Amino acid sequence: AQLTPIYALTLPIAIVWTEKHTKKTTQENHQKVLELNGNEAANHYFTIFETPEERNVRKLQGGSFRQ
């Protein structure tokens, strides 16, 4: 008898967990943004959406969006 690989059994659990985690994180981020104002909201946006490459480039150039 062929055994079912463990990943095949755990994949549905992983998918459900990921969906719930993503939804929860999105809601938390949305709530944070609602509590922020002006510069804080802009800083939060750049923190979430900037890529590591952009962060590194900014460090090398010595510039930053943050105040």
PDB file of N, CA and C in Angstrom:
ATOM      1  N   ALA A   1       0.845  -1.190   0.000  1.00  0.00           N
ATOM      2  CA  ALA A   1       0.000   0.000   0.000  1.00  0.00           C
ATOM      3  C   ALA A   1       0.883   1.244   0.000  1.00  0.00           C
ATOM      4  N   GLN A   2       0.501   2.195  -0.826  1.00  0.00           N
ATOM      5  CA  GLN A   2       1.281   3.437  -0.910  1.00  0.00           C
ATOM      6  C   GLN A   2       0.775   4.427   0.137  1.00  0.00           C
ATOM      7  N   LEU A   3       1.707   4.995   0.886  1.00  0.00           N
ATOM      8  CA  LEU A   3       1.335   5.964   1.913  1.00  0.00           C
ATOM      9  C   LEU A   3       1.191   7.357   1.304  1.00  0.00           C
ATOM     10  N   THR A   4       0.242   8.125   1.828  1.00  0.00           N
ATOM     11  CA  THR A   4       0.064   9.501   1.378  1.00  0.00           C
ATOM     12  C   THR A   4       1.166  10.362   1.995  1.00  0.00           C
ATOM     13  N   PRO A   5       1.862  11.150   1.172  1.00  0.00           N
ATOM     14  CA  PRO A   5       2.920  12.014   1.713  1.00  0.00           C
ATOM     15  C   PRO A   5       2.345  12.987   2.748  1.00  0.00           C
ATOM     16  N   ILE A   6       3.139  13.286   3.749  1.00  0.00           N
ATOM     17  CA  ILE A   6       2.673  14.146   4.844  1.00  0.00           C
ATOM     18  C   ILE A   6       2.274  15.529   4.344  1.00  0.00           C
ATOM     19  N   TYR A   7       2.969  16.060   3.334  1.00  0.00           N
ATOM     20  CA  TYR A   7       2.624  17.398   2.852  1.00  0.00           C
ATOM     21  C   TYR A   7       1.234  17.431   2.233  1.00  0.00           C
ATOM     22  N   ALA A   8       0.820  16.301   1.641  1.00  0.00           N
ATOM     23  CA  ALA A   8      -0.515  16.248   1.041  1.00  0.00           C
ATOM     24  C   ALA A   8      -1.594  16.314   2.124  1.00  0.00           C
ATOM     25  N   LEU A   9      -1.280  15.801   3.296  1.00  0.00           N
ATOM     26  CA  LEU A   9      -2.237  15.836   4.398  1.00  0.00           C
ATOM     27  C   LEU A   9      -2.265  17.202   5.083  1.00  0.00           C
ATOM     28  N   THR A  10      -1.114  17.863   5.128  1.00  0.00           N
ATOM     29  CA  THR A  10      -1.038  19.141   5.851  1.00  0.00           C
ATOM     30  C   THR A  10      -1.349  20.347   4.971  1.00  0.00           C
ATOM     31  N   LEU A  11      -1.326  20.179   3.659  1.00  0.00           N
ATOM     32  CA  LEU A  11      -1.537  21.319   2.762  1.00  0.00           C
ATOM     33  C   LEU A  11      -2.872  22.033   2.993  1.00  0.00           C
ATOM     34  N   PRO A  12      -3.992  21.308   3.101  1.00  0.00           N
ATOM     35  CA  PRO A  12      -5.264  22.016   3.334  1.00  0.00           C
ATOM     36  C   PRO A  12      -5.253  22.834   4.628  1.00  0.00           C
ATOM     37  N   ILE A  13      -4.609  22.303   5.665  1.00  0.00           N
ATOM     38  CA  ILE A  13      -4.510  23.031   6.935  1.00  0.00           C
ATOM     39  C   ILE A  13      -3.675  24.293   6.733  1.00  0.00           C
ATOM     40  N   ALA A  14      -2.573  24.158   6.022  1.00  0.00           N
ATOM     41  CA  ALA A  14      -1.694  25.305   5.768  1.00  0.00           C
ATOM     42  C   ALA A  14      -2.419  26.386   4.971  1.00  0.00           C
ATOM     43  N   ILE A  15      -3.216  25.979   3.998  1.00  0.00           N
ATOM     44  CA  ILE A  15      -3.946  26.950   3.168  1.00  0.00           C
ATOM     45  C   ILE A  15      -4.955  27.718   4.018  1.00  0.00           C
ATOM     46  N   VAL A  16      -5.718  27.003   4.829  1.00  0.00           N
ATOM     47  CA  VAL A  16      -6.721  27.653   5.680  1.00  0.00           C
ATOM     48  C   VAL A  16      -6.042  28.599   6.667  1.00  0.00           C
ATOM     49  N   TRP A  17      -4.939  28.154   7.276  1.00  0.00           N
ATOM     50  CA  TRP A  17      -4.228  29.001   8.239  1.00  0.00           C
ATOM     51  C   TRP A  17      -3.737  30.273   7.551  1.00  0.00           C
ATOM     52  N   THR A  18      -3.158  30.110   6.352  1.00  0.00           N
ATOM     53  CA  THR A  18      -2.625  31.262   5.619  1.00  0.00           C
ATOM     54  C   THR A  18      -3.728  32.258   5.295  1.00  0.00           C
ATOM     55  N   GLU A  19      -4.888  31.749   4.858  1.00  0.00           N
ATOM     56  CA  GLU A  19      -6.008  32.640   4.542  1.00  0.00           C
ATOM     57  C   GLU A  19      -6.449  33.417   5.780  1.00  0.00           C
ATOM     58  N   LYS A  20      -6.578  32.724   6.910  1.00  0.00           N
ATOM     59  CA  LYS A  20      -7.008  33.388   8.149  1.00  0.00           C
ATOM     60  C   LYS A  20      -5.964  34.404   8.608  1.00  0.00           C
ATOM     61  N   HIS A  21      -4.686  34.007   8.546  1.00  0.00           N
ATOM     62  CA  HIS A  21      -3.600  34.892   8.982  1.00  0.00           C
ATOM     63  C   HIS A  21      -3.549  36.151   8.113  1.00  0.00           C
ATOM     64  N   THR A  22      -3.692  35.970   6.800  1.00  0.00           N
ATOM     65  CA  THR A  22      -3.665  37.099   5.870  1.00  0.00           C
ATOM     66  C   THR A  22      -4.824  38.051   6.148  1.00  0.00           C
ATOM     67  N   LYS A  23      -6.008  37.487   6.362  1.00  0.00           N
ATOM     68  CA  LYS A  23      -7.182  38.312   6.643  1.00  0.00           C
ATOM     69  C   LYS A  23      -6.990  39.099   7.938  1.00  0.00           C
ATOM     70  N   LYS A  24      -6.480  38.426   8.970  1.00  0.00           N
ATOM     71  CA  LYS A  24      -6.257  39.067  10.272  1.00  0.00           C
ATOM     72  C   LYS A  24      -5.227  40.192  10.150  1.00  0.00           C
ATOM     73  N   THR A  25      -4.116  39.912   9.462  1.00  0.00           N
ATOM     74  CA  THR A  25      -3.060  40.906   9.296  1.00  0.00           C
ATOM     75  C   THR A  25      -3.571  42.115   8.519  1.00  0.00           C
ATOM     76  N   THR A  26      -4.357  41.855   7.475  1.00  0.00           N
ATOM     77  CA  THR A  26      -4.917  42.937   6.666  1.00  0.00           C
ATOM     78  C   THR A  26      -5.823  43.819   7.514  1.00  0.00           C
ATOM     79  N   GLN A  27      -6.657  43.188   8.330  1.00  0.00           N
ATOM     80  CA  GLN A  27      -7.556  43.956   9.203  1.00  0.00           C
ATOM     81  C   GLN A  27      -6.765  44.790  10.206  1.00  0.00           C
ATOM     82  N   GLU A  28      -5.703  44.214  10.777  1.00  0.00           N
ATOM     83  CA  GLU A  28      -4.878  44.948  11.741  1.00  0.00           C
ATOM     84  C   GLU A  28      -4.210  46.152  11.078  1.00  0.00           C
ATOM     85  N   ASN A  29      -3.678  45.952   9.872  1.00  0.00           N
ATOM     86  CA  ASN A  29      -3.028  47.056   9.156  1.00  0.00           C
ATOM     87  C   ASN A  29      -4.034  48.147   8.822  1.00  0.00           C
ATOM     88  N   HIS A  30      -5.234  47.743   8.407  1.00  0.00           N
ATOM     89  CA  HIS A  30      -6.289  48.698   8.082  1.00  0.00           C
ATOM     90  C   HIS A  30      -6.639  49.527   9.320  1.00  0.00           C
ATOM     91  N   GLN A  31      -6.757  48.855  10.449  1.00  0.00           N
ATOM     92  CA  GLN A  31      -7.085  49.546  11.704  1.00  0.00           C
ATOM     93  C   GLN A  31      -5.985  50.538  12.086  1.00  0.00           C
ATOM     94  N   LYS A  32      -4.715  50.124  11.923  1.00  0.00           N
ATOM     95  CA  LYS A  32      -3.593  51.017  12.241  1.00  0.00           C
ATOM     96  C   LYS A  32      -3.656  52.278  11.389  1.00  0.00           C
ATOM     97  N   VAL A  33      -3.911  52.107  10.098  1.00  0.00           N
ATOM     98  CA  VAL A  33      -3.935  53.246   9.179  1.00  0.00           C
ATOM     99  C   VAL A  33      -5.051  54.212   9.565  1.00  0.00           C
ATOM    100  N   LEU A  34      -6.197  53.675   9.989  1.00  0.00           N
ATOM    101  CA  LEU A  34      -7.304  54.545  10.383  1.00  0.00           C
ATOM    102  C   LEU A  34      -6.945  55.401  11.599  1.00  0.00           C
ATOM    103  N   GLU A  35      -6.042  54.905  12.439  1.00  0.00           N
ATOM    104  CA  GLU A  35      -5.660  55.632  13.647  1.00  0.00           C
ATOM    105  C   GLU A  35      -4.549  56.657  13.384  1.00  0.00           C
ATOM    106  N   LEU A  36      -3.939  56.588  12.223  1.00  0.00           N
ATOM    107  CA  LEU A  36      -2.816  57.475  11.924  1.00  0.00           C
ATOM    108  C   LEU A  36      -3.288  58.750  11.249  1.00  0.00           C
ATOM    109  N   ASN A  37      -2.363  59.726  11.145  1.00  0.00           N
ATOM    110  CA  ASN A  37      -2.680  60.943  10.401  1.00  0.00           C
ATOM    111  C   ASN A  37      -1.485  61.324   9.532  1.00  0.00           C
ATOM    112  N   GLY A  38      -1.730  62.102   8.523  1.00  0.00           N
ATOM    113  CA  GLY A  38      -0.718  62.686   7.646  1.00  0.00           C
ATOM    114  C   GLY A  38       0.572  61.918   7.459  1.00  0.00           C
ATOM    115  N   ASN A  39       1.671  62.441   8.031  1.00  0.00           N
ATOM    116  CA  ASN A  39       2.992  61.835   7.862  1.00  0.00           C
ATOM    117  C   ASN A  39       3.036  60.412   8.392  1.00  0.00           C
ATOM    118  N   GLU A  40       2.336  60.158   9.505  1.00  0.00           N
ATOM    119  CA  GLU A  40       2.339  58.808  10.070  1.00  0.00           C
ATOM    120  C   GLU A  40       1.766  57.814   9.068  1.00  0.00           C
ATOM    121  N   ALA A  41       0.669  58.184   8.414  1.00  0.00           N
ATOM    122  CA  ALA A  41       0.043  57.295   7.436  1.00  0.00           C
ATOM    123  C   ALA A  41       0.984  57.056   6.255  1.00  0.00           C
ATOM    124  N   ALA A  42       1.644  58.108   5.793  1.00  0.00           N
ATOM    125  CA  ALA A  42       2.586  57.961   4.683  1.00  0.00           C
ATOM    126  C   ALA A  42       3.742  57.046   5.078  1.00  0.00           C
ATOM    127  N   ASN A  43       4.277  57.235   6.271  1.00  0.00           N
ATOM    128  CA  ASN A  43       5.380  56.392   6.737  1.00  0.00           C
ATOM    129  C   ASN A  43       4.952  54.938   6.842  1.00  0.00           C
ATOM    130  N   HIS A  44       3.736  54.720   7.345  1.00  0.00           N
ATOM    131  CA  HIS A  44       3.225  53.353   7.482  1.00  0.00           C
ATOM    132  C   HIS A  44       3.102  52.702   6.104  1.00  0.00           C
ATOM    133  N   TYR A  45       2.603  53.482   5.136  1.00  0.00           N
ATOM    134  CA  TYR A  45       2.456  52.972   3.775  1.00  0.00           C
ATOM    135  C   TYR A  45       3.809  52.534   3.223  1.00  0.00           C
ATOM    136  N   PHE A  46       4.823  53.381   3.348  1.00  0.00           N
ATOM    137  CA  PHE A  46       6.139  53.037   2.797  1.00  0.00           C
ATOM    138  C   PHE A  46       6.763  51.863   3.542  1.00  0.00           C
ATOM    139  N   THR A  47       6.510  51.753   4.847  1.00  0.00           N
ATOM    140  CA  THR A  47       7.042  50.631   5.621  1.00  0.00           C
ATOM    141  C   THR A  47       6.467  49.320   5.113  1.00  0.00           C
ATOM    142  N   ILE A  48       5.165  49.320   4.794  1.00  0.00           N
ATOM    143  CA  ILE A  48       4.515  48.084   4.342  1.00  0.00           C
ATOM    144  C   ILE A  48       4.937  47.725   2.920  1.00  0.00           C
ATOM    145  N   PHE A  49       4.959  48.722   2.020  1.00  0.00           N
ATOM    146  CA  PHE A  49       5.064  48.401   0.598  1.00  0.00           C
ATOM    147  C   PHE A  49       6.460  48.513  -0.003  1.00  0.00           C
ATOM    148  N   GLU A  50       7.407  49.113   0.714  1.00  0.00           N
ATOM    149  CA  GLU A  50       8.745  49.192   0.129  1.00  0.00           C
ATOM    150  C   GLU A  50       9.399  47.812   0.177  1.00  0.00           C
ATOM    151  N   THR A  51      10.209  47.524  -0.827  1.00  0.00           N
ATOM    152  CA  THR A  51      10.895  46.232  -0.879  1.00  0.00           C
ATOM    153  C   THR A  51      12.238  46.353  -0.174  1.00  0.00           C
ATOM    154  N   PRO A  52      12.825  45.231   0.231  1.00  0.00           N
ATOM    155  CA  PRO A  52      14.154  45.282   0.861  1.00  0.00           C
ATOM    156  C   PRO A  52      15.183  45.994  -0.018  1.00  0.00           C
ATOM    157  N   GLU A  53      15.078  45.827  -1.339  1.00  0.00           N
ATOM    158  CA  GLU A  53      16.032  46.478  -2.241  1.00  0.00           C
ATOM    159  C   GLU A  53      15.933  47.996  -2.105  1.00  0.00           C
ATOM    160  N   GLU A  54      14.693  48.509  -2.039  1.00  0.00           N
ATOM    161  CA  GLU A  54      14.526  49.952  -1.903  1.00  0.00           C
ATOM    162  C   GLU A  54      15.112  50.444  -0.588  1.00  0.00           C
ATOM    163  N   ARG A  55      14.905  49.673   0.480  1.00  0.00           N
ATOM    164  CA  ARG A  55      15.463  50.057   1.780  1.00  0.00           C
ATOM    165  C   ARG A  55      16.982  50.137   1.697  1.00  0.00           C
ATOM    166  N   ASN A  56      17.597  49.139   1.066  1.00  0.00           N
ATOM    167  CA  ASN A  56      19.053  49.099   0.965  1.00  0.00           C
ATOM    168  C   ASN A  56      19.574  50.261   0.131  1.00  0.00           C
ATOM    169  N   VAL A  57      18.905  50.551  -0.973  1.00  0.00           N
ATOM    170  CA  VAL A  57      19.332  51.657  -1.833  1.00  0.00           C
ATOM    171  C   VAL A  57      19.264  52.962  -1.056  1.00  0.00           C
ATOM    172  N   ARG A  58      18.194  53.143  -0.296  1.00  0.00           N
ATOM    173  CA  ARG A  58      18.034  54.366   0.468  1.00  0.00           C
ATOM    174  C   ARG A  58      19.131  54.507   1.516  1.00  0.00           C
ATOM    175  N   LYS A  59      19.507  53.390   2.147  1.00  0.00           N
ATOM    176  CA  LYS A  59      20.580  53.436   3.144  1.00  0.00           C
ATOM    177  C   LYS A  59      21.890  53.851   2.480  1.00  0.00           C
ATOM    178  N   LEU A  60      22.160  53.282   1.297  1.00  0.00           N
ATOM    179  CA  LEU A  60      23.401  53.593   0.599  1.00  0.00           C
ATOM    180  C   LEU A  60      23.440  55.066   0.194  1.00  0.00           C
ATOM    181  N   GLN A  61      22.279  55.606  -0.220  1.00  0.00           N
ATOM    182  CA  GLN A  61      22.229  57.001  -0.644  1.00  0.00           C
ATOM    183  C   GLN A  61      22.153  57.951   0.547  1.00  0.00           C
ATOM    184  N   GLY A  62      21.835  57.399   1.712  1.00  0.00           N
ATOM    185  CA  GLY A  62      21.749  58.227   2.907  1.00  0.00           C
ATOM    186  C   GLY A  62      20.448  58.991   3.022  1.00  0.00           C
ATOM    187  N   GLY A  63      19.502  58.702   2.144  1.00  0.00           N
ATOM    188  CA  GLY A  63      18.218  59.392   2.189  1.00  0.00           C
ATOM    189  C   GLY A  63      17.152  58.513   2.797  1.00  0.00           C
ATOM    190  N   SER A  64      16.018  59.123   3.114  1.00  0.00           N
ATOM    191  CA  SER A  64      14.911  58.366   3.695  1.00  0.00           C
ATOM    192  C   SER A  64      13.627  59.162   3.560  1.00  0.00           C
ATOM    193  N   PHE A  65      12.502  58.447   3.438  1.00  0.00           N
ATOM    194  CA  PHE A  65      11.204  59.117   3.428  1.00  0.00           C
ATOM    195  C   PHE A  65      10.794  59.504   4.842  1.00  0.00           C
ATOM    196  N   ARG A  66      11.326  58.776   5.820  1.00  0.00           N
ATOM    197  CA  ARG A  66      10.906  59.005   7.206  1.00  0.00           C
ATOM    198  C   ARG A  66      11.565  60.259   7.766  1.00  0.00           C
ATOM    199  N   GLN A  67      10.850  60.912   8.661  1.00  0.00           N
ATOM    200  CA  GLN A  67      11.377  62.136   9.269  1.00  0.00           C
ATOM    201  C   GLN A  67      11.914  61.839  10.647  1.00  0.00           C
TER     202      GLN A  67
END
